[in-house]
Structure formats: structure tokens, C-alpha cells
Amino acid sequence: MISDNVIKDAAEVVGRLGCGDVAVETMRRQWPALRFAACSDDDVPPRLKPAFEGSGFNFYYIGSGDHCLTLTKDADSAMGLVVAEVTEDD
């Protein structure tokens, strides 16, 4: 489960460090039980609404239960976050 506090704190990390590897590694250290990945918002299916919309980035939930990475809308079954960078071209 991804709590609202994790979303809030993760948004602060991304706001401070950007959407890249440094932010993802920082979040992995802060929440070792969760999974984190980074990509471009263009790589996320357009029909999926973000779990959180920040300035220059969106968060999407990583689903649990499958061997492959999946995205979900369900915070209760989420095991991590995708940090998707939003650029002006998006």
C-alpha cells in the first residue's frame, strides 16, 4: 500500500532532486520495501490517470502480484511508484 504520506514525501524528493536516478535512488533508500522506477510521461498509457500530479512530473502506482511490472490505479495493492517526467512536448 502507498500512503498519502509516502506520496507527499516522495513528491518533495522529486521536487528537490528532479525526476532522474538520484531521486529514484533516494526514494529506494528511504522506502526499501517499495519499488521505484523513472520514465517519461509519454511512456505511460494515456488512459491511465496519475496517482499524483506534480510540477514537471506525475506519479503512477506500480501494481503487485505479477512477475512483470504493471501499473495500477489501486493504492491499496500498489508496491511502488513510477516517476514520470512531464515535458512541454507531452
Protein backbone atom coordinates (compact mmCIF):
# COMPACT_ATOMS: atom_id res chain seq x y z
CA MET A 1 0.00 0.00 0.00
CA ILE A 2 1.18 3.50 -0.83
CA SER A 3 0.02 6.02 1.78
CA ASP A 4 -0.70 9.68 1.19
CA ASN A 5 2.33 10.49 3.37
CA VAL A 6 4.63 8.50 1.07
CA ILE A 7 3.21 10.35 -1.96
CA LYS A 8 3.71 13.71 -0.22
CA ASP A 9 7.25 12.92 0.89
CA ALA A 10 8.20 11.39 -2.48
CA ALA A 11 6.88 14.50 -4.25
CA GLU A 12 9.16 16.59 -2.05
CA VAL A 13 12.14 14.41 -3.02
CA VAL A 14 11.36 14.72 -6.74
CA GLY A 15 10.71 18.45 -6.41
CA ARG A 16 14.13 18.85 -4.81
CA LEU A 17 16.17 16.35 -6.87
CA GLY A 18 14.32 16.10 -10.19
CA CYS A 19 12.95 13.02 -11.94
CA GLY A 20 16.19 11.17 -12.54
CA ASP A 21 18.26 8.45 -10.97
CA VAL A 22 19.30 10.47 -7.90
CA ALA A 23 15.67 10.93 -6.81
CA VAL A 24 14.82 7.28 -7.51
CA GLU A 25 17.85 6.05 -5.53
CA THR A 26 16.99 8.43 -2.67
CA MET A 27 13.43 7.07 -2.52
CA ARG A 28 14.70 3.47 -2.67
CA ARG A 29 16.88 4.16 0.39
CA GLN A 30 14.06 5.97 2.23
CA TRP A 31 11.45 3.25 1.49
CA PRO A 32 13.38 0.00 0.90
CA ALA A 33 10.22 -2.13 0.89
CA LEU A 34 8.81 -0.23 -2.11
CA ARG A 35 9.78 -0.27 -5.79
CA PHE A 36 10.58 2.89 -7.76
CA ALA A 37 11.14 3.47 -11.46
CA ALA A 38 11.57 6.52 -13.67
CA CYS A 39 10.38 7.16 -17.20
CA SER A 40 8.88 9.81 -19.43
CA ASP A 41 5.18 10.51 -19.08
CA ASP A 42 4.98 9.69 -22.80
CA ASP A 43 5.78 6.08 -21.90
CA VAL A 44 2.65 5.70 -19.74
CA PRO A 45 -0.65 4.70 -21.36
CA PRO A 46 -2.68 7.88 -21.84
CA ARG A 47 -5.84 6.28 -20.43
CA LEU A 48 -4.19 5.83 -17.00
CA LYS A 49 -4.69 8.77 -14.67
CA PRO A 50 -1.75 9.71 -12.47
CA ALA A 51 -1.90 8.91 -8.76
CA PHE A 52 -0.35 12.34 -8.22
CA GLU A 53 0.39 15.29 -10.50
CA GLY A 54 3.37 17.44 -9.57
CA SER A 55 5.22 20.27 -11.23
CA GLY A 56 7.04 18.58 -14.13
CA PHE A 57 6.23 15.02 -13.06
CA ASN A 58 3.46 12.54 -12.38
CA PHE A 59 3.38 9.51 -10.10
CA TYR A 60 1.78 6.24 -11.15
CA TYR A 61 1.28 3.20 -8.93
CA ILE A 62 3.26 0.04 -9.59
CA GLY A 63 0.99 -2.97 -9.12
CA SER A 64 1.93 -6.02 -7.11
CA GLY A 65 1.33 -9.69 -7.68
CA ASP A 66 2.77 -10.22 -11.16
CA HIS A 67 6.28 -11.10 -12.25
CA CYS A 68 6.36 -8.19 -14.69
CA LEU A 69 5.99 -4.52 -13.88
CA THR A 70 2.38 -3.43 -14.14
CA LEU A 71 0.63 -0.17 -13.46
CA THR A 72 -2.49 0.07 -11.33
CA LYS A 73 -5.00 2.63 -10.13
CA ASP A 74 -5.28 0.93 -6.74
CA ALA A 75 -3.15 2.47 -3.96
CA ASP A 76 -4.01 -0.43 -1.62
CA SER A 77 -2.40 -3.03 -3.89
CA ALA A 78 0.48 -0.82 -5.06
CA MET A 79 4.04 -1.82 -4.24
CA GLY A 80 5.77 1.28 -5.59
CA LEU A 81 5.75 4.37 -7.74
CA VAL A 82 6.75 5.31 -11.25
CA VAL A 83 8.13 8.84 -11.50
CA ALA A 84 7.12 10.02 -14.96
CA GLU A 85 8.77 13.22 -16.16
CA VAL A 86 6.41 15.61 -17.93
CA THR A 87 8.00 17.80 -20.58
CA GLU A 88 6.47 20.63 -22.58
CA ASP A 89 6.08 18.29 -25.56
CA ASP A 90 3.80 15.97 -23.52
